[in-house]
């Protein structure tokens, strides 16, 4: 299945991202609402036949999904905390794509604070985005090598895990989970890749884990 995060709090279930693999499978999670990071196929195309609940997204993402038959469309503005059934989402622009601009979300529910950005090169206003965050959930496209390309004056692609863990170190984020993993991680020997990540994480004093289908965390 395409990467998605389900945030549960006091009976509410908010799904972040809904890629094409989720098409027609909403009953598996029965979301109260869906929040989108951007409009790429692996993050939003599960909604091309509509949605069973309100959908929240940035103006740029709604433009890319303008022909989708989504009845309850709600806007999340950058740097504007937005309550979604008792869970607060604050969108921070991240660099990733020219045609489908992305955001990462600072999410607050009860005393828990996380930051979720499955596709990015860097976070605009990173210090504010990660301030007081207990858990960073980030991009697993590449572990060490750069996957950044230049298109004119713009950058597109993905930041390596090593760089993201450095952000966590600098901003005092103690834990990280790596999701939306590429073949570099998925097809590697599990023990070998875990050992490599432990070394990188230990150098930065950050606890890191690789996400897997059905993974659950209590914060």
Protein backbone atom coordinates (compact mmCIF):
# COMPACT_ATOMS: atom_id res chain seq x y z
CA UNK A 1 0.00 0.00 0.00
CA UNK A 2 1.10 3.57 -0.61
CA UNK A 3 2.39 5.29 2.52
CA UNK A 4 -0.22 6.79 4.81
CA UNK A 5 -0.41 7.78 8.47
CA UNK A 6 -3.50 7.35 10.64
CA UNK A 7 -3.64 9.68 13.65
CA UNK A 8 -6.12 8.51 16.30
CA UNK A 9 -7.19 10.68 19.24
CA UNK A 10 -10.28 10.42 21.45
CA UNK A 11 -12.17 8.34 18.91
CA UNK A 12 -11.19 10.46 15.89
CA UNK A 13 -9.20 8.92 13.03
CA UNK A 14 -7.49 11.31 10.63
CA UNK A 15 -5.70 9.80 7.64
CA UNK A 16 -2.73 11.68 6.19
CA UNK A 17 -2.34 10.99 2.45
CA UNK A 18 -4.29 8.58 0.32
CA UNK A 19 -2.36 7.19 -2.65
CA UNK A 20 -3.72 5.23 -5.58
CA UNK A 21 -3.37 1.90 -3.75
CA UNK A 22 -6.08 3.09 -1.33
CA UNK A 23 -8.68 3.53 -4.07
CA UNK A 24 -11.94 1.92 -2.86
CA UNK A 25 -10.39 0.69 0.40
CA UNK A 26 -11.48 3.35 2.89
CA UNK A 27 -13.40 0.82 4.98
CA UNK A 28 -10.07 -0.58 6.15
CA UNK A 29 -9.47 2.56 8.24
CA UNK A 30 -12.85 4.40 8.28
CA UNK A 31 -11.27 7.87 8.51
CA UNK A 32 -13.11 10.82 10.08
CA UNK A 33 -11.13 13.09 7.73
CA UNK A 34 -8.27 12.94 5.23
CA UNK A 35 -5.38 15.43 5.10
CA UNK A 36 -3.08 15.61 2.06
CA UNK A 37 0.59 16.62 1.88
CA UNK A 38 0.53 17.05 -1.94
CA UNK A 39 -1.13 15.83 -5.09
CA UNK A 40 1.24 13.16 -6.43
CA UNK A 41 -0.34 9.78 -7.37
CA UNK A 42 1.12 7.96 -4.37
CA UNK A 43 -0.32 10.55 -1.99
CA UNK A 44 -3.68 11.65 -3.40
CA UNK A 45 -4.94 9.54 -6.30
CA UNK A 46 -6.87 7.21 -4.01
CA UNK A 47 -9.42 10.04 -3.99
CA UNK A 48 -10.06 10.14 -7.72
CA UNK A 49 -13.52 8.58 -7.23
CA UNK A 50 -14.31 10.83 -4.29
CA UNK A 51 -13.98 10.59 -0.51
CA UNK A 52 -16.26 9.33 2.29
CA UNK A 53 -15.31 12.22 4.59
CA UNK A 54 -14.00 15.80 4.59
CA UNK A 55 -10.64 16.28 2.84
CA UNK A 56 -8.14 18.96 3.88
CA UNK A 57 -5.35 20.23 1.61
CA UNK A 58 -3.40 23.29 0.54
CA UNK A 59 -4.59 25.57 -2.27
CA UNK A 60 -1.90 24.18 -4.62
CA UNK A 61 -2.98 20.62 -3.94
CA UNK A 62 -6.62 21.44 -4.55
CA UNK A 63 -5.67 22.96 -7.90
CA UNK A 64 -4.08 19.67 -8.95
CA UNK A 65 -7.18 17.74 -7.84
CA UNK A 66 -9.77 20.13 -9.23
CA UNK A 67 -11.47 17.46 -11.35
CA UNK A 68 -11.83 14.94 -8.52
CA UNK A 69 -15.44 14.46 -7.30
CA UNK A 70 -14.65 15.36 -3.68
CA UNK A 71 -17.71 17.02 -2.15
CA UNK A 72 -16.36 18.30 1.18
CA UNK A 73 -13.18 20.25 0.34
CA UNK A 74 -11.49 22.15 3.15
CA UNK A 75 -8.46 24.43 2.94
CA UNK A 76 -5.39 24.34 5.14
CA UNK A 77 -3.34 27.52 4.84
CA UNK A 78 0.41 27.57 5.43
CA UNK A 79 1.46 28.26 9.03
CA UNK A 80 -2.17 28.44 10.18
CA UNK A 81 -3.00 25.86 12.89
CA UNK A 82 -6.19 24.12 11.80
CA UNK A 83 -8.37 21.92 14.00
CA UNK A 84 -9.43 18.68 12.34
CA UNK A 85 -11.83 16.93 14.73
CA UNK A 86 -9.78 17.94 17.77
CA UNK A 87 -6.36 17.29 16.21
CA UNK A 88 -4.34 20.38 15.23
CA UNK A 89 -2.53 20.44 11.90
CA UNK A 90 -0.09 23.18 10.90
CA UNK A 91 1.22 23.09 7.34
CA UNK A 92 4.84 23.99 6.64
CA UNK A 93 5.92 24.31 2.99
CA UNK A 94 8.65 21.82 2.04
CA UNK A 95 10.74 21.70 -1.11
CA UNK A 96 10.01 18.61 -3.19
CA UNK A 97 8.22 19.17 -6.52
CA UNK A 98 7.57 22.02 -8.94
CA UNK A 99 4.30 20.74 -10.38
CA UNK A 100 2.93 19.43 -7.09
CA UNK A 101 4.11 21.65 -4.22
CA UNK A 102 4.19 19.79 -0.93
CA UNK A 103 3.80 20.55 2.75
CA UNK A 104 4.78 18.76 5.91
CA UNK A 105 2.50 18.79 8.94
CA UNK A 106 3.19 19.65 12.52
CA UNK A 107 0.50 17.65 14.31
CA UNK A 108 -0.69 18.16 17.90
CA UNK A 109 -3.09 15.87 19.73
CA UNK A 110 -3.29 16.01 23.52
CA UNK A 111 0.31 16.28 24.70
CA UNK A 112 1.78 14.64 21.60
CA UNK A 113 3.64 16.62 18.93
CA UNK A 114 4.91 15.07 15.70
CA UNK A 115 6.11 16.31 12.33
CA UNK A 116 5.18 14.35 9.22
CA UNK A 117 6.82 14.91 5.83
CA UNK A 118 7.10 11.79 3.63
CA UNK A 119 8.55 13.63 0.59
CA UNK A 120 10.98 16.53 0.90
CA UNK A 121 14.35 18.10 0.20
CA UNK A 122 14.13 20.61 3.04
CA UNK A 123 11.61 22.27 5.35
CA UNK A 124 11.02 25.98 5.05
CA UNK A 125 11.07 27.44 8.58
CA UNK A 126 12.52 24.21 9.95
CA UNK A 127 13.18 25.53 13.44
CA UNK A 128 9.54 26.50 13.94
CA UNK A 129 8.34 23.25 12.36
CA UNK A 130 10.37 21.02 14.69
CA UNK A 131 10.26 23.07 17.89
CA UNK A 132 9.18 20.81 20.75
CA UNK A 133 8.46 17.90 18.42
CA UNK A 134 8.76 14.45 20.03
CA UNK A 135 8.77 12.42 16.83
CA UNK A 136 9.84 13.19 13.26
CA UNK A 137 8.38 10.97 10.51
CA UNK A 138 10.30 11.50 7.30
CA UNK A 139 11.34 10.55 3.78
CA UNK A 140 12.95 7.15 3.14
CA UNK A 141 13.78 7.60 -0.55
CA UNK A 142 17.53 7.46 0.07
CA UNK A 143 19.72 6.77 3.10
CA UNK A 144 23.05 8.40 2.28
CA UNK A 145 23.28 9.60 -1.32
CA UNK A 146 21.72 12.81 -2.55
CA UNK A 147 18.56 12.43 -4.62
CA UNK A 148 18.20 16.12 -5.47
CA UNK A 149 17.98 17.46 -9.02
CA UNK A 150 17.85 20.97 -10.38
CA UNK A 151 15.18 22.17 -12.80
CA UNK A 152 16.09 25.71 -13.76
CA UNK A 153 16.40 27.56 -10.45
CA UNK A 154 14.22 25.04 -8.59
CA UNK A 155 15.22 21.88 -6.72
CA UNK A 156 13.20 18.66 -6.88
CA UNK A 157 13.63 15.27 -5.23
CA UNK A 158 14.37 13.86 -1.80
CA UNK A 159 16.71 14.52 1.09
CA UNK A 160 18.71 11.54 2.38
CA UNK A 161 17.86 10.08 5.77
CA UNK A 162 21.29 11.13 7.04
CA UNK A 163 20.43 14.79 6.43
CA UNK A 164 17.00 14.49 8.04
CA UNK A 165 18.52 12.99 11.18
CA UNK A 166 20.93 15.92 11.30
CA UNK A 167 17.91 18.26 11.33
CA UNK A 168 16.54 16.28 14.27
CA UNK A 169 19.83 16.60 16.11
CA UNK A 170 20.02 20.36 15.55
CA UNK A 171 16.41 20.98 16.59
CA UNK A 172 16.38 18.60 19.56
CA UNK A 173 13.97 15.99 18.17
CA UNK A 174 14.75 12.73 20.04
CA UNK A 175 13.03 10.15 17.81
CA UNK A 176 12.57 9.57 14.10
CA UNK A 177 10.70 7.07 11.94
CA UNK A 178 11.61 6.66 8.30
CA UNK A 179 8.67 5.95 5.99
CA UNK A 180 7.79 6.03 2.27
CA UNK A 181 10.87 3.86 1.73
CA UNK A 182 12.46 3.25 -1.66
CA UNK A 183 13.92 0.02 -3.02
CA UNK A 184 17.25 0.99 -1.44
CA UNK A 185 15.69 0.20 1.94
CA UNK A 186 12.93 -2.26 1.00
CA UNK A 187 15.17 -4.57 -1.05
CA UNK A 188 18.20 -4.38 1.23
CA UNK A 189 19.15 -6.86 3.90
CA UNK A 190 17.10 -5.77 6.91
CA UNK A 191 19.91 -6.23 9.42
CA UNK A 192 22.43 -4.45 7.23
CA UNK A 193 20.28 -1.38 6.61
CA UNK A 194 19.23 -1.24 10.28
CA UNK A 195 22.88 -1.35 11.36
CA UNK A 196 23.76 1.46 8.94
CA UNK A 197 20.93 3.60 10.27
CA UNK A 198 21.89 2.91 13.89
CA UNK A 199 25.38 4.22 13.24
CA UNK A 200 24.07 7.39 11.58
CA UNK A 201 21.52 7.91 14.35
CA UNK A 202 23.97 7.25 17.20
CA UNK A 203 26.32 9.92 15.82
CA UNK A 204 23.42 12.37 16.07
CA UNK A 205 21.91 11.03 19.33
CA UNK A 206 18.55 10.33 17.67
CA UNK A 207 16.58 7.10 18.06
CA UNK A 208 15.54 5.93 14.58
CA UNK A 209 13.31 3.13 13.27
CA UNK A 210 12.12 2.09 9.83
CA UNK A 211 8.34 2.08 9.39
CA UNK A 212 6.46 -1.05 8.34
CA UNK A 213 2.88 -1.83 7.33
CA UNK A 214 0.60 -1.77 10.37
CA UNK A 215 3.15 -0.11 12.65
CA UNK A 216 1.50 1.45 15.75
CA UNK A 217 2.87 3.99 18.23
CA UNK A 218 1.39 5.46 21.39
CA UNK A 219 2.52 8.96 22.29
